[in-house]
Amino acid sequence: MVKESKHLSGTTWDVYMFILTSKRAIGVREVWRGLKLSSPSLAQYHVNKLVEMELIRHSQEGGYVVQEKARVEALRSFVLLRGKLIPRLVFYGALVTGMLVAYLMLGSFKLRFRDLIVLLVSLFSISAFFLEAWIQLRSLKSTVQKV
C-alpha cells in the first residue's frame, strides 16, 4: 500500500522519473551519474526515500525498479511505452486523425455542408488533443506531484 501523505518534488521526483523511464534495473551510481547529483550518498538518500514510500523496490538484478502497483497520481494520464511517458491524449488524437483520413480517402468527399462540418470538427478535436498532450508534457516536471 502506498503511503498517502507523501509528496514527490525536486530531486526525489527526478530520481523517480529516471528510474521509471529506464528500461532496466538502475543502481545508485547510475542515478548519481545520470542526474549529475553532487554525491552518491545524495542519490542513495533519494532512492531510500522512494523505497520507503513504496514507489520503487530492489530488484533481483541488483538495481532498483518501479513498483508495478504503485502509481503516482500525476502519471495516471500517461502511458509508459518503451521508456517514454506518452500522454493518453496523443492516442485519442491519433484515433481521430485516422478516422478523418479514412473518411477523406474512403468517402466521397465533396465540399458539401456535411463534409465541411466533419472536417472542421475533426481538425478542432485533433488540435485540442495534441495541444493538451503537449501542455501535459511541459507541465510534468514543473508540478509538485502528490503520491
N, C-alpha and C. Protein backbone atom coordinates (compact mmCIF):
# COMPACT_ATOMS: atom_id res chain seq x y z
N MET A 1 0.83 -1.18 0.00
CA MET A 1 0.00 0.00 0.00
C MET A 1 0.88 1.25 0.00
N VAL A 2 0.63 2.17 -0.89
CA VAL A 2 1.40 3.39 -1.00
C VAL A 2 0.96 4.36 0.08
N LYS A 3 1.91 4.99 0.74
CA LYS A 3 1.60 5.95 1.78
C LYS A 3 1.03 7.21 1.15
N GLU A 4 -0.10 7.67 1.67
CA GLU A 4 -0.86 8.74 1.03
C GLU A 4 -0.32 10.13 1.33
N SER A 5 0.34 10.34 2.45
CA SER A 5 0.65 11.69 2.90
C SER A 5 1.96 12.24 2.33
N LYS A 6 2.66 11.52 1.50
CA LYS A 6 3.95 11.96 0.98
C LYS A 6 3.79 12.73 -0.31
N HIS A 7 4.78 13.57 -0.58
CA HIS A 7 4.82 14.34 -1.82
C HIS A 7 6.13 14.05 -2.54
N LEU A 8 6.06 14.04 -3.83
CA LEU A 8 7.28 13.93 -4.64
C LEU A 8 7.54 15.30 -5.24
N SER A 9 8.75 15.78 -5.07
CA SER A 9 9.12 17.04 -5.70
C SER A 9 10.64 17.11 -5.79
N GLY A 10 11.10 18.01 -6.59
CA GLY A 10 12.52 18.27 -6.70
C GLY A 10 13.33 17.07 -7.13
N THR A 11 14.40 16.82 -6.41
CA THR A 11 15.34 15.76 -6.76
C THR A 11 14.71 14.37 -6.63
N THR A 12 13.84 14.20 -5.63
CA THR A 12 13.20 12.89 -5.46
C THR A 12 12.33 12.58 -6.68
N TRP A 13 11.62 13.59 -7.18
CA TRP A 13 10.82 13.42 -8.39
C TRP A 13 11.70 13.08 -9.57
N ASP A 14 12.84 13.75 -9.70
CA ASP A 14 13.77 13.47 -10.80
C ASP A 14 14.31 12.04 -10.72
N VAL A 15 14.63 11.58 -9.52
CA VAL A 15 15.13 10.22 -9.34
C VAL A 15 14.04 9.22 -9.71
N TYR A 16 12.80 9.48 -9.27
CA TYR A 16 11.69 8.59 -9.60
C TYR A 16 11.49 8.52 -11.12
N MET A 17 11.50 9.65 -11.79
CA MET A 17 11.31 9.68 -13.24
C MET A 17 12.47 8.98 -13.96
N PHE A 18 13.68 9.14 -13.45
CA PHE A 18 14.85 8.48 -14.04
C PHE A 18 14.72 6.97 -13.97
N ILE A 19 14.30 6.47 -12.81
CA ILE A 19 14.14 5.02 -12.64
C ILE A 19 12.93 4.53 -13.44
N LEU A 20 11.85 5.30 -13.45
CA LEU A 20 10.64 4.91 -14.18
C LEU A 20 10.90 4.77 -15.68
N THR A 21 11.64 5.69 -16.25
CA THR A 21 11.85 5.69 -17.71
C THR A 21 13.04 4.85 -18.15
N SER A 22 13.74 4.25 -17.21
CA SER A 22 14.84 3.36 -17.61
C SER A 22 14.27 2.02 -18.05
N LYS A 23 14.98 1.36 -18.93
CA LYS A 23 14.49 0.09 -19.48
C LYS A 23 14.97 -1.12 -18.69
N ARG A 24 15.76 -0.87 -17.65
CA ARG A 24 16.28 -1.97 -16.84
C ARG A 24 16.46 -1.48 -15.42
N ALA A 25 16.88 -2.37 -14.54
CA ALA A 25 17.12 -2.01 -13.15
C ALA A 25 18.28 -1.02 -13.07
N ILE A 26 18.14 0.00 -12.26
CA ILE A 26 19.11 1.09 -12.16
C ILE A 26 19.75 1.08 -10.77
N GLY A 27 21.07 1.19 -10.73
CA GLY A 27 21.79 1.26 -9.47
C GLY A 27 21.94 2.70 -9.00
N VAL A 28 22.36 2.86 -7.77
CA VAL A 28 22.51 4.19 -7.17
C VAL A 28 23.56 5.00 -7.91
N ARG A 29 24.66 4.38 -8.30
CA ARG A 29 25.70 5.12 -9.03
C ARG A 29 25.21 5.60 -10.40
N GLU A 30 24.35 4.81 -11.04
CA GLU A 30 23.78 5.24 -12.32
C GLU A 30 22.85 6.43 -12.13
N VAL A 31 22.11 6.43 -11.02
CA VAL A 31 21.26 7.59 -10.70
C VAL A 31 22.13 8.80 -10.46
N TRP A 32 23.18 8.62 -9.69
CA TRP A 32 24.10 9.72 -9.38
C TRP A 32 24.70 10.32 -10.66
N ARG A 33 25.22 9.46 -11.54
CA ARG A 33 25.83 9.94 -12.78
C ARG A 33 24.80 10.48 -13.76
N GLY A 34 23.67 9.77 -13.89
CA GLY A 34 22.65 10.17 -14.86
C GLY A 34 22.02 11.51 -14.55
N LEU A 35 21.83 11.80 -13.27
CA LEU A 35 21.21 13.07 -12.87
C LEU A 35 22.23 14.12 -12.45
N LYS A 36 23.52 13.75 -12.49
CA LYS A 36 24.61 14.66 -12.13
C LYS A 36 24.42 15.25 -10.73
N LEU A 37 24.12 14.35 -9.78
CA LEU A 37 23.97 14.78 -8.39
C LEU A 37 25.34 15.01 -7.78
N SER A 38 25.38 15.70 -6.66
CA SER A 38 26.67 16.08 -6.07
C SER A 38 27.43 14.90 -5.48
N SER A 39 26.72 13.86 -5.01
CA SER A 39 27.43 12.71 -4.44
C SER A 39 26.56 11.46 -4.54
N PRO A 40 27.18 10.27 -4.49
CA PRO A 40 26.41 9.04 -4.49
C PRO A 40 25.52 8.90 -3.25
N SER A 41 25.95 9.48 -2.14
CA SER A 41 25.14 9.39 -0.93
C SER A 41 23.84 10.18 -1.07
N LEU A 42 23.85 11.27 -1.82
CA LEU A 42 22.63 12.02 -2.08
C LEU A 42 21.68 11.19 -2.94
N ALA A 43 22.22 10.52 -3.93
CA ALA A 43 21.41 9.62 -4.76
C ALA A 43 20.83 8.50 -3.88
N GLN A 44 21.63 7.95 -3.00
CA GLN A 44 21.17 6.88 -2.10
C GLN A 44 20.06 7.39 -1.19
N TYR A 45 20.18 8.61 -0.70
CA TYR A 45 19.15 9.20 0.16
C TYR A 45 17.80 9.24 -0.56
N HIS A 46 17.80 9.72 -1.81
CA HIS A 46 16.54 9.83 -2.55
C HIS A 46 16.00 8.46 -2.96
N VAL A 47 16.88 7.53 -3.27
CA VAL A 47 16.45 6.16 -3.58
C VAL A 47 15.81 5.54 -2.33
N ASN A 48 16.43 5.71 -1.17
CA ASN A 48 15.88 5.18 0.07
C ASN A 48 14.53 5.80 0.39
N LYS A 49 14.40 7.08 0.10
CA LYS A 49 13.13 7.78 0.31
C LYS A 49 12.03 7.16 -0.56
N LEU A 50 12.35 6.85 -1.81
CA LEU A 50 11.38 6.24 -2.71
C LEU A 50 11.05 4.81 -2.30
N VAL A 51 12.04 4.08 -1.78
CA VAL A 51 11.80 2.72 -1.29
C VAL A 51 10.86 2.79 -0.08
N GLU A 52 11.11 3.73 0.82
CA GLU A 52 10.27 3.91 2.00
C GLU A 52 8.83 4.26 1.61
N MET A 53 8.67 5.03 0.55
CA MET A 53 7.34 5.40 0.06
C MET A 53 6.70 4.27 -0.74
N GLU A 54 7.43 3.19 -0.94
CA GLU A 54 6.98 2.01 -1.67
C GLU A 54 6.66 2.31 -3.13
N LEU A 55 7.43 3.22 -3.72
CA LEU A 55 7.29 3.53 -5.14
C LEU A 55 8.28 2.75 -5.98
N ILE A 56 9.41 2.39 -5.39
CA ILE A 56 10.40 1.55 -6.08
C ILE A 56 10.78 0.41 -5.16
N ARG A 57 11.41 -0.60 -5.73
CA ARG A 57 11.87 -1.74 -4.94
C ARG A 57 13.22 -2.20 -5.48
N HIS A 58 13.94 -2.95 -4.66
CA HIS A 58 15.22 -3.51 -5.07
C HIS A 58 14.92 -4.75 -5.91
N SER A 59 15.51 -4.83 -7.08
CA SER A 59 15.23 -5.96 -7.98
C SER A 59 16.24 -7.07 -7.80
N GLN A 60 15.97 -8.20 -8.42
CA GLN A 60 16.87 -9.35 -8.34
C GLN A 60 18.17 -9.09 -9.09
N GLU A 61 18.14 -8.18 -10.08
CA GLU A 61 19.35 -7.87 -10.85
C GLU A 61 20.32 -6.99 -10.07
N GLY A 62 19.89 -6.47 -8.93
CA GLY A 62 20.79 -5.67 -8.11
C GLY A 62 20.52 -4.18 -8.17
N GLY A 63 19.63 -3.74 -9.00
CA GLY A 63 19.30 -2.33 -9.08
C GLY A 63 17.91 -2.07 -8.52
N TYR A 64 17.37 -0.93 -8.89
CA TYR A 64 16.05 -0.54 -8.42
C TYR A 64 15.10 -0.41 -9.61
N VAL A 65 13.87 -0.84 -9.41
CA VAL A 65 12.82 -0.73 -10.42
C VAL A 65 11.57 -0.16 -9.76
N VAL A 66 10.67 0.36 -10.58
CA VAL A 66 9.43 0.94 -10.08
C VAL A 66 8.48 -0.19 -9.70
N GLN A 67 7.79 -0.01 -8.58
CA GLN A 67 6.76 -0.96 -8.16
C GLN A 67 5.64 -0.93 -9.20
N GLU A 68 5.20 -2.09 -9.63
CA GLU A 68 4.16 -2.17 -10.65
C GLU A 68 2.83 -1.62 -10.17
N LYS A 69 2.49 -1.89 -8.93
CA LYS A 69 1.18 -1.48 -8.43
C LYS A 69 1.15 -0.06 -7.91
N ALA A 70 2.30 0.48 -7.60
CA ALA A 70 2.36 1.85 -7.08
C ALA A 70 2.26 2.84 -8.24
N ARG A 71 1.32 3.75 -8.16
CA ARG A 71 1.15 4.75 -9.21
C ARG A 71 1.14 6.13 -8.59
N VAL A 72 1.83 7.04 -9.20
CA VAL A 72 1.80 8.43 -8.80
C VAL A 72 0.61 9.06 -9.50
N GLU A 73 -0.19 9.78 -8.75
CA GLU A 73 -1.44 10.34 -9.28
C GLU A 73 -1.22 11.18 -10.54
N ALA A 74 -0.16 11.96 -10.58
CA ALA A 74 0.10 12.83 -11.73
C ALA A 74 0.41 12.06 -13.00
N LEU A 75 0.76 10.79 -12.89
CA LEU A 75 1.12 10.00 -14.06
C LEU A 75 -0.02 9.11 -14.55
N ARG A 76 -1.19 9.24 -13.97
CA ARG A 76 -2.33 8.41 -14.38
C ARG A 76 -2.78 8.71 -15.80
N SER A 77 -2.53 9.90 -16.29
CA SER A 77 -2.95 10.25 -17.65
C SER A 77 -1.83 10.01 -18.67
N PHE A 78 -0.81 9.25 -18.27
CA PHE A 78 0.30 8.92 -19.15
C PHE A 78 0.41 7.42 -19.33
N VAL A 79 0.98 7.02 -20.46
CA VAL A 79 1.28 5.63 -20.74
C VAL A 79 2.79 5.52 -20.87
N LEU A 80 3.38 4.52 -20.23
CA LEU A 80 4.81 4.29 -20.35
C LEU A 80 5.03 3.32 -21.50
N LEU A 81 5.68 3.78 -22.55
CA LEU A 81 5.90 2.97 -23.74
C LEU A 81 7.37 3.03 -24.11
N ARG A 82 8.06 1.91 -24.00
CA ARG A 82 9.49 1.82 -24.31
C ARG A 82 10.33 2.89 -23.60
N GLY A 83 10.04 3.11 -22.33
CA GLY A 83 10.81 4.05 -21.54
C GLY A 83 10.44 5.50 -21.75
N LYS A 84 9.37 5.77 -22.45
CA LYS A 84 8.92 7.15 -22.69
C LYS A 84 7.52 7.32 -22.12
N LEU A 85 7.30 8.44 -21.47
CA LEU A 85 5.96 8.76 -20.98
C LEU A 85 5.20 9.49 -22.07
N ILE A 86 4.07 8.92 -22.47
CA ILE A 86 3.27 9.49 -23.55
C ILE A 86 1.88 9.80 -22.99
N PRO A 87 1.41 11.04 -23.15
CA PRO A 87 0.06 11.36 -22.68
C PRO A 87 -0.99 10.53 -23.43
N ARG A 88 -2.01 10.10 -22.71
CA ARG A 88 -3.08 9.33 -23.34
C ARG A 88 -3.77 10.13 -24.44
N LEU A 89 -3.76 11.43 -24.31
CA LEU A 89 -4.41 12.28 -25.30
C LEU A 89 -3.78 12.14 -26.68
N VAL A 90 -2.52 11.75 -26.75
CA VAL A 90 -1.87 11.52 -28.05
C VAL A 90 -2.58 10.38 -28.79
N PHE A 91 -2.96 9.34 -28.07
CA PHE A 91 -3.63 8.22 -28.70
C PHE A 91 -5.03 8.62 -29.19
N TYR A 92 -5.71 9.45 -28.42
CA TYR A 92 -7.02 9.93 -28.85
C TYR A 92 -6.90 10.79 -30.10
N GLY A 93 -5.88 11.65 -30.12
CA GLY A 93 -5.64 12.47 -31.30
C GLY A 93 -5.30 11.63 -32.51
N ALA A 94 -4.51 10.58 -32.31
CA ALA A 94 -4.16 9.69 -33.42
C ALA A 94 -5.39 8.94 -33.92
N LEU A 95 -6.29 8.56 -33.02
CA LEU A 95 -7.52 7.87 -33.42
C LEU A 95 -8.40 8.78 -34.28
N VAL A 96 -8.59 10.01 -33.84
CA VAL A 96 -9.41 10.95 -34.62
C VAL A 96 -8.74 11.26 -35.95
N THR A 97 -7.42 11.37 -35.96
CA THR A 97 -6.70 11.61 -37.20
C THR A 97 -6.90 10.46 -38.18
N GLY A 98 -6.80 9.23 -37.67
CA GLY A 98 -7.02 8.06 -38.51
C GLY A 98 -8.44 8.00 -39.06
N MET A 99 -9.40 8.35 -38.23
CA MET A 99 -10.79 8.35 -38.70
C MET A 99 -11.02 9.42 -39.77
N LEU A 100 -10.38 10.57 -39.60
CA LEU A 100 -10.52 11.63 -40.60
C LEU A 100 -9.87 11.21 -41.92
N VAL A 101 -8.69 10.62 -41.85
CA VAL A 101 -8.01 10.16 -43.07
C VAL A 101 -8.85 9.09 -43.77
N ALA A 102 -9.41 8.17 -42.99
CA ALA A 102 -10.27 7.13 -43.58
C ALA A 102 -11.50 7.76 -44.22
N TYR A 103 -12.09 8.74 -43.58
CA TYR A 103 -13.27 9.42 -44.12
C TYR A 103 -12.93 10.12 -45.44
N LEU A 104 -11.78 10.78 -45.46
CA LEU A 104 -11.38 11.51 -46.66
C LEU A 104 -11.02 10.57 -47.81
N MET A 105 -10.40 9.43 -47.49
CA MET A 105 -9.96 8.51 -48.54
C MET A 105 -11.06 7.57 -49.01
N LEU A 106 -11.89 7.11 -48.08
CA LEU A 106 -12.90 6.12 -48.43
C LEU A 106 -14.25 6.74 -48.83
N GLY A 107 -14.53 7.87 -48.28
CA GLY A 107 -15.80 8.52 -48.58
C GLY A 107 -15.70 9.34 -49.86
N SER A 108 -16.83 9.74 -50.31
CA SER A 108 -16.84 10.61 -51.49
C SER A 108 -16.85 12.05 -50.99
N PHE A 109 -15.68 12.54 -50.66
CA PHE A 109 -15.56 13.88 -50.09
C PHE A 109 -15.79 14.93 -51.17
N LYS A 110 -16.80 15.71 -50.94
CA LYS A 110 -17.09 16.87 -51.78
C LYS A 110 -17.29 18.04 -50.83
N LEU A 111 -17.25 19.19 -51.32
CA LEU A 111 -17.39 20.35 -50.45
C LEU A 111 -18.85 20.61 -50.10
N ARG A 112 -19.50 19.60 -49.55
CA ARG A 112 -20.86 19.73 -49.06
C ARG A 112 -20.80 20.21 -47.62
N PHE A 113 -21.94 20.68 -47.13
CA PHE A 113 -22.01 21.19 -45.76
C PHE A 113 -21.61 20.11 -44.75
N ARG A 114 -22.12 18.90 -44.91
CA ARG A 114 -21.81 17.80 -44.00
C ARG A 114 -20.30 17.51 -43.97
N ASP A 115 -19.67 17.49 -45.13
CA ASP A 115 -18.24 17.21 -45.20
C ASP A 115 -17.43 18.33 -44.55
N LEU A 116 -17.85 19.55 -44.72
CA LEU A 116 -17.14 20.67 -44.09
C LEU A 116 -17.27 20.61 -42.57
N ILE A 117 -18.45 20.25 -42.08
CA ILE A 117 -18.64 20.13 -40.63
C ILE A 117 -17.76 19.01 -40.08
N VAL A 118 -17.73 17.86 -40.74
CA VAL A 118 -16.89 16.75 -40.31
C VAL A 118 -15.42 17.18 -40.30
N LEU A 119 -15.00 17.87 -41.32
CA LEU A 119 -13.62 18.33 -41.42
C LEU A 119 -13.29 19.32 -40.30
N LEU A 120 -14.15 20.29 -40.05
CA LEU A 120 -13.90 21.30 -39.02
C LEU A 120 -13.89 20.68 -37.62
N VAL A 121 -14.86 19.83 -37.33
CA VAL A 121 -14.92 19.20 -36.00
C VAL A 121 -13.71 18.30 -35.79
N SER A 122 -13.33 17.56 -36.81
CA SER A 122 -12.17 16.68 -36.70
C SER A 122 -10.89 17.47 -36.49
N LEU A 123 -10.68 18.51 -37.26
CA LEU A 123 -9.46 19.32 -37.12
C LEU A 123 -9.41 20.01 -35.76
N PHE A 124 -10.55 20.49 -35.29
CA PHE A 124 -10.59 21.10 -33.96
C PHE A 124 -10.25 20.07 -32.89
N SER A 125 -10.84 18.87 -32.98
CA SER A 125 -10.58 17.81 -32.00
C SER A 125 -9.12 17.39 -32.00
N ILE A 126 -8.58 17.19 -33.18
CA ILE A 126 -7.17 16.79 -33.29
C ILE A 126 -6.26 17.85 -32.68
N SER A 127 -6.52 19.10 -33.00
CA SER A 127 -5.72 20.20 -32.44
C SER A 127 -5.83 20.24 -30.93
N ALA A 128 -7.03 20.09 -30.41
CA ALA A 128 -7.23 20.14 -28.96
C ALA A 128 -6.51 18.98 -28.26
N PHE A 129 -6.61 17.77 -28.80
CA PHE A 129 -5.95 16.62 -28.18
C PHE A 129 -4.43 16.80 -28.15
N PHE A 130 -3.84 17.19 -29.27
CA PHE A 130 -2.39 17.31 -29.32
C PHE A 130 -1.88 18.52 -28.53
N LEU A 131 -2.64 19.61 -28.51
CA LEU A 131 -2.25 20.77 -27.71
C LEU A 131 -2.28 20.42 -26.22
N GLU A 132 -3.32 19.77 -25.78
CA GLU A 132 -3.42 19.38 -24.37
C GLU A 132 -2.34 18.36 -23.99
N ALA A 133 -2.01 17.46 -24.89
CA ALA A 133 -0.94 16.49 -24.63
C ALA A 133 0.40 17.22 -24.48
N TRP A 134 0.64 18.19 -25.32
CA TRP A 134 1.88 18.97 -25.24
C TRP A 134 1.94 19.74 -23.93
N ILE A 135 0.82 20.32 -23.52
CA ILE A 135 0.77 21.06 -22.25
C ILE A 135 1.03 20.12 -21.08
N GLN A 136 0.47 18.90 -21.12
CA GLN A 136 0.72 17.93 -20.06
C GLN A 136 2.20 17.58 -19.97
N LEU A 137 2.83 17.36 -21.10
CA LEU A 137 4.26 17.03 -21.09
C LEU A 137 5.10 18.16 -20.53
N ARG A 138 4.78 19.38 -20.91
CA ARG A 138 5.54 20.54 -20.43
C ARG A 138 5.40 20.75 -18.94
N SER A 139 4.21 20.52 -18.42
CA SER A 139 3.97 20.78 -17.01
C SER A 139 4.36 19.61 -16.11
N LEU A 140 4.73 18.49 -16.69
CA LEU A 140 5.04 17.30 -15.90
C LEU A 140 6.19 17.54 -14.93
N LYS A 141 7.24 18.19 -15.36
CA LYS A 141 8.41 18.39 -14.50
C LYS A 141 8.22 19.53 -13.52
N SER A 142 7.45 20.53 -13.88
CA SER A 142 7.37 21.72 -13.03
C SER A 142 6.36 21.62 -11.91
N THR A 143 5.52 20.61 -11.93
CA THR A 143 4.46 20.49 -10.93
C THR A 143 4.92 19.61 -9.77
N VAL A 144 4.57 20.00 -8.58
CA VAL A 144 4.83 19.15 -7.41
C VAL A 144 3.81 18.02 -7.49
N GLN A 145 4.30 16.79 -7.37
CA GLN A 145 3.47 15.62 -7.57
C GLN A 145 3.05 15.02 -6.23
N LYS A 146 1.78 14.66 -6.14
CA LYS A 146 1.25 14.01 -4.94
C LYS A 146 1.22 12.51 -5.17
N VAL A 147 1.63 11.75 -4.20
CA VAL A 147 1.61 10.29 -4.30
C VAL A 147 0.21 9.81 -4.02
